[in-house]
């Protein structure tokens, strides 16, 4: 959070039971802008929000009651804000207490691969042309670790050559990559042509104890038929340090289709928001904000 909360601060509220046992936490990024106070998603962050700590062998109906109680405890502790917006992990599947408090929600999707299926099953789940691209790239390419400078140069070139703006903030991405790699929780890779050394694709993967996450990437559009990005993602998947590999979704049609070809399970997650300030609510009627489904 220190790495990505560059335009504000971050904090956490915690719920304990009567015996001081941890029940849940809500992590949030807060910033002020033109007199308004916002709780927002940090830059380069796909999931945030509430995480529960369940008692062992909790029954289903008690689990739901537990979620309701903890969510309300956490929301009661938040500082005053004019706008709230967070995207939750796929593990968060009950937003009813938010709904009862007047929050709004929209469902987004990611693709998650369960690596416990084994490499043979994972390979068979790939779309046919993805397998062909991987086999082709295996013969022509090499995958290697890289530094941020070389990664950013290749990434920037990829977008400039397609006449598209770079969708990542260089400073924030640099801070995030250095923080994660220094903690041993991230890997920065390039896929290069064996003979020419030309960069064909690159990506950054972060991971915790349960999942590996695709954070960002790029490809060389002039050489996309070689299949460098497909090969690199396959390498990420089969060499992941965790059971699950999460593409961190995309609602962009072309990107969603590409991620889908790797055979992951389509998995929903929530985007939840609320506007408390009447003046800000009026402003937002005339000024569209990308992260709100107005």
C-alpha atoms as a PDB file:
ATOM      1  CA  UNK A   1       0.000   0.000   0.000  1.00  0.00           C
ATOM      2  CA  UNK A   2       2.910   2.350   0.685  1.00  0.00           C
ATOM      3  CA  UNK A   3       4.057   1.828  -2.892  1.00  0.00           C
ATOM      4  CA  UNK A   4       0.754   2.606  -4.615  1.00  0.00           C
ATOM      5  CA  UNK A   5      -0.923   5.188  -2.344  1.00  0.00           C
ATOM      6  CA  UNK A   6       1.077   8.101  -3.755  1.00  0.00           C
ATOM      7  CA  UNK A   7      -1.778  10.641  -3.891  1.00  0.00           C
ATOM      8  CA  UNK A   8      -3.022  10.189  -0.357  1.00  0.00           C
ATOM      9  CA  UNK A   9      -2.686   7.847   2.577  1.00  0.00           C
ATOM     10  CA  UNK A  10      -3.933   4.435   3.603  1.00  0.00           C
ATOM     11  CA  UNK A  11      -5.216   2.860   6.750  1.00  0.00           C
ATOM     12  CA  UNK A  12      -7.066  -0.172   8.061  1.00  0.00           C
ATOM     13  CA  UNK A  13      -9.998  -0.765  10.411  1.00  0.00           C
ATOM     14  CA  UNK A  14     -10.172  -4.008  12.380  1.00  0.00           C
ATOM     15  CA  UNK A  15     -12.981  -6.041  13.926  1.00  0.00           C
ATOM     16  CA  UNK A  16     -12.450  -8.162  17.044  1.00  0.00           C
ATOM     17  CA  UNK A  17     -14.883 -10.365  18.928  1.00  0.00           C
ATOM     18  CA  UNK A  18     -15.564 -10.038  22.680  1.00  0.00           C
ATOM     19  CA  UNK A  19     -12.498 -12.197  23.403  1.00  0.00           C
ATOM     20  CA  UNK A  20     -10.241 -10.019  21.240  1.00  0.00           C
ATOM     21  CA  UNK A  21     -10.014 -12.604  18.478  1.00  0.00           C
ATOM     22  CA  UNK A  22      -9.550 -11.161  14.992  1.00  0.00           C
ATOM     23  CA  UNK A  23     -12.737 -11.242  12.877  1.00  0.00           C
ATOM     24  CA  UNK A  24     -11.872  -9.148   9.837  1.00  0.00           C
ATOM     25  CA  UNK A  25     -10.074  -6.151   8.389  1.00  0.00           C
ATOM     26  CA  UNK A  26     -10.961  -3.434   5.901  1.00  0.00           C
ATOM     27  CA  UNK A  27      -7.974  -1.854   4.197  1.00  0.00           C
ATOM     28  CA  UNK A  28      -8.548   1.422   2.357  1.00  0.00           C
ATOM     29  CA  UNK A  29      -6.860   4.261   0.497  1.00  0.00           C
ATOM     30  CA  UNK A  30      -8.024   7.765   1.451  1.00  0.00           C
ATOM     31  CA  UNK A  31      -7.287  11.074  -0.212  1.00  0.00           C
ATOM     32  CA  UNK A  32      -8.595  14.632  -0.311  1.00  0.00           C
ATOM     33  CA  UNK A  33      -9.321  16.546  -3.497  1.00  0.00           C
ATOM     34  CA  UNK A  34     -10.813  20.050  -3.790  1.00  0.00           C
ATOM     35  CA  UNK A  35     -12.403  19.845  -0.382  1.00  0.00           C
ATOM     36  CA  UNK A  36     -13.825  16.346  -0.829  1.00  0.00           C
ATOM     37  CA  UNK A  37     -12.678  13.207   0.973  1.00  0.00           C
ATOM     38  CA  UNK A  38     -12.487  10.049  -1.106  1.00  0.00           C
ATOM     39  CA  UNK A  39     -11.980   6.404  -0.197  1.00  0.00           C
ATOM     40  CA  UNK A  40     -10.721   4.939  -3.468  1.00  0.00           C
ATOM     41  CA  UNK A  41      -8.790   2.098  -5.020  1.00  0.00           C
ATOM     42  CA  UNK A  42      -5.045   2.776  -5.025  1.00  0.00           C
ATOM     43  CA  UNK A  43      -3.339   2.954  -8.396  1.00  0.00           C
ATOM     44  CA  UNK A  44      -2.221  -0.390  -9.910  1.00  0.00           C
ATOM     45  CA  UNK A  45      -4.428  -2.246  -7.406  1.00  0.00           C
ATOM     46  CA  UNK A  46      -7.133  -4.643  -8.540  1.00  0.00           C
ATOM     47  CA  UNK A  47      -8.473  -5.934  -5.218  1.00  0.00           C
ATOM     48  CA  UNK A  48      -8.914  -4.154  -1.888  1.00  0.00           C
ATOM     49  CA  UNK A  49     -11.524  -3.983   0.848  1.00  0.00           C
ATOM     50  CA  UNK A  50     -12.667  -6.539   3.420  1.00  0.00           C
ATOM     51  CA  UNK A  51     -10.982  -9.789   4.408  1.00  0.00           C
ATOM     52  CA  UNK A  52     -12.546 -12.140   6.962  1.00  0.00           C
ATOM     53  CA  UNK A  53     -10.871 -14.371   9.533  1.00  0.00           C
ATOM     54  CA  UNK A  54     -13.288 -17.254  10.064  1.00  0.00           C
ATOM     55  CA  UNK A  55     -13.423 -19.599  13.006  1.00  0.00           C
ATOM     56  CA  UNK A  56     -12.688 -23.233  12.173  1.00  0.00           C
ATOM     57  CA  UNK A  57     -15.605 -25.401  11.003  1.00  0.00           C
ATOM     58  CA  UNK A  58     -18.044 -22.492  10.884  1.00  0.00           C
ATOM     59  CA  UNK A  59     -21.459 -23.516   9.530  1.00  0.00           C
ATOM     60  CA  UNK A  60     -22.911 -21.857   6.435  1.00  0.00           C
ATOM     61  CA  UNK A  61     -25.719 -19.957   8.164  1.00  0.00           C
ATOM     62  CA  UNK A  62     -23.376 -18.825  10.928  1.00  0.00           C
ATOM     63  CA  UNK A  63     -20.831 -17.768   8.325  1.00  0.00           C
ATOM     64  CA  UNK A  64     -23.355 -15.439   6.673  1.00  0.00           C
ATOM     65  CA  UNK A  65     -24.392 -13.976  10.043  1.00  0.00           C
ATOM     66  CA  UNK A  66     -20.713 -13.544  10.912  1.00  0.00           C
ATOM     67  CA  UNK A  67     -20.106 -11.682   7.627  1.00  0.00           C
ATOM     68  CA  UNK A  68     -23.040  -9.352   8.242  1.00  0.00           C
ATOM     69  CA  UNK A  69     -21.876  -8.497  11.743  1.00  0.00           C
ATOM     70  CA  UNK A  70     -18.234  -7.954  10.795  1.00  0.00           C
ATOM     71  CA  UNK A  71     -19.001  -5.841   7.726  1.00  0.00           C
ATOM     72  CA  UNK A  72     -21.166  -3.524   9.828  1.00  0.00           C
ATOM     73  CA  UNK A  73     -18.508  -3.289  12.535  1.00  0.00           C
ATOM     74  CA  UNK A  74     -15.885  -2.341   9.952  1.00  0.00           C
ATOM     75  CA  UNK A  75     -18.038   0.191   8.103  1.00  0.00           C
ATOM     76  CA  UNK A  76     -18.931   1.864  11.404  1.00  0.00           C
ATOM     77  CA  UNK A  77     -15.228   2.534  11.991  1.00  0.00           C
ATOM     78  CA  UNK A  78     -14.500   4.226   8.660  1.00  0.00           C
ATOM     79  CA  UNK A  79     -13.714   7.947   8.784  1.00  0.00           C
ATOM     80  CA  UNK A  80     -16.200  10.389   7.267  1.00  0.00           C
ATOM     81  CA  UNK A  81     -16.047  10.426   3.456  1.00  0.00           C
ATOM     82  CA  UNK A  82     -17.824  11.994   0.504  1.00  0.00           C
ATOM     83  CA  UNK A  83     -17.270   9.103  -1.916  1.00  0.00           C
ATOM     84  CA  UNK A  84     -16.464   5.451  -1.321  1.00  0.00           C
ATOM     85  CA  UNK A  85     -15.291   3.071  -4.061  1.00  0.00           C
ATOM     86  CA  UNK A  86     -13.583  -0.302  -3.685  1.00  0.00           C
ATOM     87  CA  UNK A  87     -13.124  -3.451  -5.748  1.00  0.00           C
ATOM     88  CA  UNK A  88     -13.223  -6.652  -3.746  1.00  0.00           C
ATOM     89  CA  UNK A  89     -11.425  -9.946  -4.179  1.00  0.00           C
ATOM     90  CA  UNK A  90     -13.282 -12.963  -5.516  1.00  0.00           C
ATOM     91  CA  UNK A  91     -13.351 -14.374  -1.975  1.00  0.00           C
ATOM     92  CA  UNK A  92     -15.792 -11.631  -0.924  1.00  0.00           C
ATOM     93  CA  UNK A  93     -19.218 -12.902  -1.972  1.00  0.00           C
ATOM     94  CA  UNK A  94     -21.722 -11.174   0.328  1.00  0.00           C
ATOM     95  CA  UNK A  95     -22.381  -7.461  -0.130  1.00  0.00           C
ATOM     96  CA  UNK A  96     -25.873  -7.390   1.443  1.00  0.00           C
ATOM     97  CA  UNK A  97     -24.843  -5.224   4.444  1.00  0.00           C
ATOM     98  CA  UNK A  98     -23.512  -2.667   1.964  1.00  0.00           C
ATOM     99  CA  UNK A  99     -26.807  -2.780   0.035  1.00  0.00           C
ATOM    100  CA  UNK A 100     -28.823  -2.240   3.207  1.00  0.00           C
ATOM    101  CA  UNK A 101     -26.690   0.833   3.919  1.00  0.00           C
ATOM    102  CA  UNK A 102     -27.412   2.404   0.535  1.00  0.00           C
ATOM    103  CA  UNK A 103     -24.270   1.405  -1.356  1.00  0.00           C
ATOM    104  CA  UNK A 104     -24.382   0.377  -5.008  1.00  0.00           C
ATOM    105  CA  UNK A 105     -22.665  -2.544  -6.709  1.00  0.00           C
ATOM    106  CA  UNK A 106     -21.740  -3.882 -10.118  1.00  0.00           C
ATOM    107  CA  UNK A 107     -20.309  -7.294 -10.935  1.00  0.00           C
ATOM    108  CA  UNK A 108     -17.022  -7.673 -12.737  1.00  0.00           C
ATOM    109  CA  UNK A 109     -15.211 -10.816 -13.850  1.00  0.00           C
ATOM    110  CA  UNK A 110     -11.798 -12.367 -13.820  1.00  0.00           C
ATOM    111  CA  UNK A 111     -10.457 -15.761 -14.933  1.00  0.00           C
ATOM    112  CA  UNK A 112      -8.851 -18.001 -12.325  1.00  0.00           C
ATOM    113  CA  UNK A 113      -6.821 -21.135 -13.070  1.00  0.00           C
ATOM    114  CA  UNK A 114      -6.570 -23.931 -10.513  1.00  0.00           C
ATOM    115  CA  UNK A 115      -3.061 -25.322 -11.009  1.00  0.00           C
ATOM    116  CA  UNK A 116      -3.830 -28.433  -8.947  1.00  0.00           C
ATOM    117  CA  UNK A 117      -5.438 -29.870 -12.092  1.00  0.00           C
ATOM    118  CA  UNK A 118      -1.914 -30.685 -13.301  1.00  0.00           C
ATOM    119  CA  UNK A 119       0.062 -29.513 -16.315  1.00  0.00           C
ATOM    120  CA  UNK A 120      -1.455 -32.041 -18.721  1.00  0.00           C
ATOM    121  CA  UNK A 121      -5.010 -30.983 -17.899  1.00  0.00           C
ATOM    122  CA  UNK A 122      -4.076 -27.300 -18.007  1.00  0.00           C
ATOM    123  CA  UNK A 123      -2.537 -27.798 -21.442  1.00  0.00           C
ATOM    124  CA  UNK A 124      -5.639 -29.519 -22.795  1.00  0.00           C
ATOM    125  CA  UNK A 125      -7.799 -26.660 -21.474  1.00  0.00           C
ATOM    126  CA  UNK A 126      -5.974 -24.129 -23.680  1.00  0.00           C
ATOM    127  CA  UNK A 127      -7.599 -22.972 -26.891  1.00  0.00           C
ATOM    128  CA  UNK A 128      -6.029 -24.678 -29.923  1.00  0.00           C
ATOM    129  CA  UNK A 129      -4.381 -21.593 -31.399  1.00  0.00           C
ATOM    130  CA  UNK A 130      -2.868 -20.743 -27.997  1.00  0.00           C
ATOM    131  CA  UNK A 131      -1.192 -24.162 -27.878  1.00  0.00           C
ATOM    132  CA  UNK A 132       0.147 -23.612 -31.392  1.00  0.00           C
ATOM    133  CA  UNK A 133       1.520 -20.178 -30.458  1.00  0.00           C
ATOM    134  CA  UNK A 134       3.186 -21.601 -27.349  1.00  0.00           C
ATOM    135  CA  UNK A 135       4.819 -24.437 -29.289  1.00  0.00           C
ATOM    136  CA  UNK A 136       6.052 -22.008 -31.921  1.00  0.00           C
ATOM    137  CA  UNK A 137       7.435 -19.555 -29.371  1.00  0.00           C
ATOM    138  CA  UNK A 138       9.182 -22.332 -27.424  1.00  0.00           C
ATOM    139  CA  UNK A 139      11.413 -22.943 -30.429  1.00  0.00           C
ATOM    140  CA  UNK A 140      12.170 -19.283 -31.083  1.00  0.00           C
ATOM    141  CA  UNK A 141      12.117 -17.559 -27.692  1.00  0.00           C
ATOM    142  CA  UNK A 142      13.735 -17.436 -24.297  1.00  0.00           C
ATOM    143  CA  UNK A 143      12.171 -16.131 -21.073  1.00  0.00           C
ATOM    144  CA  UNK A 144      14.358 -14.285 -18.611  1.00  0.00           C
ATOM    145  CA  UNK A 145      14.159 -12.056 -15.555  1.00  0.00           C
ATOM    146  CA  UNK A 146      14.722  -8.369 -16.136  1.00  0.00           C
ATOM    147  CA  UNK A 147      15.065  -5.013 -14.384  1.00  0.00           C
ATOM    148  CA  UNK A 148      12.522  -2.206 -14.303  1.00  0.00           C
ATOM    149  CA  UNK A 149      14.464   0.050 -16.679  1.00  0.00           C
ATOM    150  CA  UNK A 150      14.546  -2.503 -19.506  1.00  0.00           C
ATOM    151  CA  UNK A 151      10.982  -3.585 -18.789  1.00  0.00           C
ATOM    152  CA  UNK A 152       9.636  -0.024 -18.955  1.00  0.00           C
ATOM    153  CA  UNK A 153      11.544   0.782 -22.143  1.00  0.00           C
ATOM    154  CA  UNK A 154      10.049  -2.229 -23.925  1.00  0.00           C
ATOM    155  CA  UNK A 155       6.579  -1.590 -22.473  1.00  0.00           C
ATOM    156  CA  UNK A 156       6.590   2.060 -23.526  1.00  0.00           C
ATOM    157  CA  UNK A 157       7.765   1.143 -27.023  1.00  0.00           C
ATOM    158  CA  UNK A 158       4.949  -1.388 -27.350  1.00  0.00           C
ATOM    159  CA  UNK A 159       2.251   1.213 -26.733  1.00  0.00           C
ATOM    160  CA  UNK A 160       3.912   4.039 -28.667  1.00  0.00           C
ATOM    161  CA  UNK A 161       4.237   1.853 -31.770  1.00  0.00           C
ATOM    162  CA  UNK A 162       0.472   1.213 -31.642  1.00  0.00           C
ATOM    163  CA  UNK A 163      -0.238   4.938 -31.145  1.00  0.00           C
ATOM    164  CA  UNK A 164      -1.750   4.254 -27.741  1.00  0.00           C
ATOM    165  CA  UNK A 165      -1.074   6.018 -24.434  1.00  0.00           C
ATOM    166  CA  UNK A 166       0.776   4.003 -21.822  1.00  0.00           C
ATOM    167  CA  UNK A 167      -1.944   2.997 -19.305  1.00  0.00           C
ATOM    168  CA  UNK A 168       0.441   2.747 -16.362  1.00  0.00           C
ATOM    169  CA  UNK A 169       2.053   5.412 -14.192  1.00  0.00           C
ATOM    170  CA  UNK A 170       5.808   4.903 -14.399  1.00  0.00           C
ATOM    171  CA  UNK A 171       6.548   6.061 -10.862  1.00  0.00           C
ATOM    172  CA  UNK A 172       3.810   3.953  -9.249  1.00  0.00           C
ATOM    173  CA  UNK A 173       4.660   0.859 -11.283  1.00  0.00           C
ATOM    174  CA  UNK A 174       8.331   1.247 -10.398  1.00  0.00           C
ATOM    175  CA  UNK A 175       7.513   1.580  -6.680  1.00  0.00           C
ATOM    176  CA  UNK A 176       5.196  -1.439  -6.797  1.00  0.00           C
ATOM    177  CA  UNK A 177       7.621  -3.682  -8.666  1.00  0.00           C
ATOM    178  CA  UNK A 178      10.550  -2.797  -6.441  1.00  0.00           C
ATOM    179  CA  UNK A 179       8.478  -3.288  -3.271  1.00  0.00           C
ATOM    180  CA  UNK A 180       7.140  -6.678  -4.374  1.00  0.00           C
ATOM    181  CA  UNK A 181      10.381  -8.062  -5.788  1.00  0.00           C
ATOM    182  CA  UNK A 182      12.349  -6.936  -2.732  1.00  0.00           C
ATOM    183  CA  UNK A 183       9.917  -8.905  -0.555  1.00  0.00           C
ATOM    184  CA  UNK A 184      10.130 -11.944  -2.829  1.00  0.00           C
ATOM    185  CA  UNK A 185       6.493 -11.536  -3.827  1.00  0.00           C
ATOM    186  CA  UNK A 186       6.826 -10.603  -7.480  1.00  0.00           C
ATOM    187  CA  UNK A 187       8.549 -11.540 -10.714  1.00  0.00           C
ATOM    188  CA  UNK A 188       9.376  -9.323 -13.694  1.00  0.00           C
ATOM    189  CA  UNK A 189       9.929 -11.206 -16.965  1.00  0.00           C
ATOM    190  CA  UNK A 190      10.644 -10.635 -20.637  1.00  0.00           C
ATOM    191  CA  UNK A 191      10.161 -13.002 -23.553  1.00  0.00           C
ATOM    192  CA  UNK A 192      12.902 -12.440 -26.148  1.00  0.00           C
ATOM    193  CA  UNK A 193      13.752 -13.843 -29.572  1.00  0.00           C
ATOM    194  CA  UNK A 194      16.694 -16.223 -29.158  1.00  0.00           C
ATOM    195  CA  UNK A 195      18.572 -15.026 -32.232  1.00  0.00           C
ATOM    196  CA  UNK A 196      17.812 -11.310 -32.473  1.00  0.00           C
ATOM    197  CA  UNK A 197      17.305 -10.495 -28.781  1.00  0.00           C
ATOM    198  CA  UNK A 198      14.161  -8.593 -29.721  1.00  0.00           C
ATOM    199  CA  UNK A 199      11.652  -8.236 -26.877  1.00  0.00           C
ATOM    200  CA  UNK A 200       8.386  -9.947 -27.838  1.00  0.00           C
ATOM    201  CA  UNK A 201       6.450  -9.625 -24.565  1.00  0.00           C
ATOM    202  CA  UNK A 202       6.819  -8.854 -20.893  1.00  0.00           C
ATOM    203  CA  UNK A 203       4.788  -8.984 -17.715  1.00  0.00           C
ATOM    204  CA  UNK A 204       4.836  -8.546 -13.969  1.00  0.00           C
ATOM    205  CA  UNK A 205       3.368 -11.243 -11.705  1.00  0.00           C
ATOM    206  CA  UNK A 206       2.725 -10.698  -7.989  1.00  0.00           C
ATOM    207  CA  UNK A 207       1.775 -13.383  -5.519  1.00  0.00           C
ATOM    208  CA  UNK A 208       0.699 -14.020  -1.954  1.00  0.00           C
ATOM    209  CA  UNK A 209       0.324 -17.298  -0.070  1.00  0.00           C
ATOM    210  CA  UNK A 210      -2.724 -18.385  -2.090  1.00  0.00           C
ATOM    211  CA  UNK A 211      -2.663 -16.795  -5.548  1.00  0.00           C
ATOM    212  CA  UNK A 212      -0.461 -15.452  -8.288  1.00  0.00           C
ATOM    213  CA  UNK A 213      -1.757 -12.309  -9.986  1.00  0.00           C
ATOM    214  CA  UNK A 214      -1.191 -10.918 -13.458  1.00  0.00           C
ATOM    215  CA  UNK A 215      -0.553  -7.242 -12.712  1.00  0.00           C
ATOM    216  CA  UNK A 216       0.471  -5.818 -16.080  1.00  0.00           C
ATOM    217  CA  UNK A 217       2.050  -6.761 -19.371  1.00  0.00           C
ATOM    218  CA  UNK A 218       2.659  -5.872 -22.991  1.00  0.00           C
ATOM    219  CA  UNK A 219       3.504  -7.475 -26.333  1.00  0.00           C
ATOM    220  CA  UNK A 220       5.342  -6.535 -29.520  1.00  0.00           C
ATOM    221  CA  UNK A 221       2.488  -6.127 -32.010  1.00  0.00           C
ATOM    222  CA  UNK A 222       4.842  -6.383 -34.997  1.00  0.00           C
ATOM    223  CA  UNK A 223       5.804  -9.920 -33.950  1.00  0.00           C
ATOM    224  CA  UNK A 224       2.588 -11.048 -32.263  1.00  0.00           C
ATOM    225  CA  UNK A 225       2.252 -14.046 -34.585  1.00  0.00           C
ATOM    226  CA  UNK A 226       5.260 -15.631 -32.878  1.00  0.00           C
ATOM    227  CA  UNK A 227       3.143 -15.999 -29.751  1.00  0.00           C
ATOM    228  CA  UNK A 228       5.500 -14.441 -27.236  1.00  0.00           C
ATOM    229  CA  UNK A 229       2.773 -13.336 -24.831  1.00  0.00           C
ATOM    230  CA  UNK A 230       1.002 -16.711 -24.934  1.00  0.00           C
ATOM    231  CA  UNK A 231       4.280 -18.477 -24.196  1.00  0.00           C
ATOM    232  CA  UNK A 232       5.100 -16.054 -21.381  1.00  0.00           C
ATOM    233  CA  UNK A 233       1.701 -16.481 -19.730  1.00  0.00           C
ATOM    234  CA  UNK A 234       1.968 -20.261 -20.014  1.00  0.00           C
ATOM    235  CA  UNK A 235       5.367 -20.002 -18.324  1.00  0.00           C
ATOM    236  CA  UNK A 236       3.778 -17.859 -15.573  1.00  0.00           C
ATOM    237  CA  UNK A 237       1.014 -20.395 -15.021  1.00  0.00           C
ATOM    238  CA  UNK A 238       3.018 -23.608 -14.881  1.00  0.00           C
ATOM    239  CA  UNK A 239       5.803 -22.053 -12.779  1.00  0.00           C
ATOM    240  CA  UNK A 240       3.538 -20.168 -10.377  1.00  0.00           C
ATOM    241  CA  UNK A 241       4.356 -20.521  -6.688  1.00  0.00           C
ATOM    242  CA  UNK A 242       0.687 -20.842  -5.718  1.00  0.00           C
ATOM    243  CA  UNK A 243      -2.268 -23.120  -6.418  1.00  0.00           C
ATOM    244  CA  UNK A 244      -4.287 -20.417  -8.175  1.00  0.00           C
ATOM    245  CA  UNK A 245      -3.376 -18.055 -10.997  1.00  0.00           C
ATOM    246  CA  UNK A 246      -5.608 -14.968 -11.292  1.00  0.00           C
ATOM    247  CA  UNK A 247      -5.633 -12.921 -14.497  1.00  0.00           C
ATOM    248  CA  UNK A 248      -7.161 -10.021 -12.508  1.00  0.00           C
ATOM    249  CA  UNK A 249      -9.850  -9.782 -15.168  1.00  0.00           C
ATOM    250  CA  UNK A 250     -10.715  -7.237 -17.772  1.00  0.00           C
ATOM    251  CA  UNK A 251     -14.012  -5.861 -19.002  1.00  0.00           C
ATOM    252  CA  UNK A 252     -12.314  -4.881 -22.285  1.00  0.00           C
ATOM    253  CA  UNK A 253     -13.681  -7.298 -24.873  1.00  0.00           C
ATOM    254  CA  UNK A 254     -10.434  -8.181 -26.692  1.00  0.00           C
ATOM    255  CA  UNK A 255      -8.450  -8.642 -23.477  1.00  0.00           C
ATOM    256  CA  UNK A 256     -11.228 -10.709 -21.893  1.00  0.00           C
ATOM    257  CA  UNK A 257     -11.255 -13.012 -24.935  1.00  0.00           C
ATOM    258  CA  UNK A 258      -7.476 -13.504 -24.814  1.00  0.00           C
ATOM    259  CA  UNK A 259      -7.498 -14.341 -21.096  1.00  0.00           C
ATOM    260  CA  UNK A 260     -10.438 -16.708 -21.621  1.00  0.00           C
ATOM    261  CA  UNK A 261      -8.446 -18.789 -24.124  1.00  0.00           C
ATOM    262  CA  UNK A 262      -6.232 -20.039 -21.275  1.00  0.00           C
ATOM    263  CA  UNK A 263      -9.051 -22.113 -19.831  1.00  0.00           C
ATOM    264  CA  UNK A 264      -9.545 -20.428 -16.471  1.00  0.00           C
ATOM    265  CA  UNK A 265     -12.818 -20.358 -14.580  1.00  0.00           C
ATOM    266  CA  UNK A 266     -14.879 -17.200 -15.097  1.00  0.00           C
ATOM    267  CA  UNK A 267     -15.162 -15.801 -11.574  1.00  0.00           C
ATOM    268  CA  UNK A 268     -17.207 -12.784 -10.410  1.00  0.00           C
ATOM    269  CA  UNK A 269     -16.093 -10.100  -8.017  1.00  0.00           C
ATOM    270  CA  UNK A 270     -17.734  -6.899  -6.780  1.00  0.00           C
ATOM    271  CA  UNK A 271     -17.225  -3.212  -7.339  1.00  0.00           C
ATOM    272  CA  UNK A 272     -19.018  -1.286  -4.568  1.00  0.00           C
ATOM    273  CA  UNK A 273     -19.501   2.460  -4.218  1.00  0.00           C
ATOM    274  CA  UNK A 274     -21.480   5.199  -2.495  1.00  0.00           C
ATOM    275  CA  UNK A 275     -21.656   8.985  -2.799  1.00  0.00           C
ATOM    276  CA  UNK A 276     -22.536  10.662   0.524  1.00  0.00           C
ATOM    277  CA  UNK A 277     -22.076  14.330  -0.378  1.00  0.00           C
ATOM    278  CA  UNK A 278     -25.142  15.898  -2.109  1.00  0.00           C
ATOM    279  CA  UNK A 279     -22.990  18.445  -3.966  1.00  0.00           C
ATOM    280  CA  UNK A 280     -20.650  15.746  -5.249  1.00  0.00           C
ATOM    281  CA  UNK A 281     -23.673  13.653  -6.253  1.00  0.00           C
ATOM    282  CA  UNK A 282     -24.923  16.612  -8.328  1.00  0.00           C
ATOM    283  CA  UNK A 283     -21.491  17.116  -9.926  1.00  0.00           C
ATOM    284  CA  UNK A 284     -21.303  13.461 -10.885  1.00  0.00           C
ATOM    285  CA  UNK A 285     -24.590  13.739 -12.764  1.00  0.00           C
ATOM    286  CA  UNK A 286     -22.793  15.951 -15.278  1.00  0.00           C
ATOM    287  CA  UNK A 287     -19.225  14.665 -15.025  1.00  0.00           C
ATOM    288  CA  UNK A 288     -18.676  10.978 -15.738  1.00  0.00           C
ATOM    289  CA  UNK A 289     -16.091   9.147 -13.647  1.00  0.00           C
ATOM    290  CA  UNK A 290     -14.688   5.984 -15.227  1.00  0.00           C
ATOM    291  CA  UNK A 291     -14.715   3.839 -12.111  1.00  0.00           C
ATOM    292  CA  UNK A 292     -18.397   4.505 -11.268  1.00  0.00           C
ATOM    293  CA  UNK A 293     -21.233   2.857 -13.185  1.00  0.00           C
ATOM    294  CA  UNK A 294     -23.444   5.965 -13.128  1.00  0.00           C
END
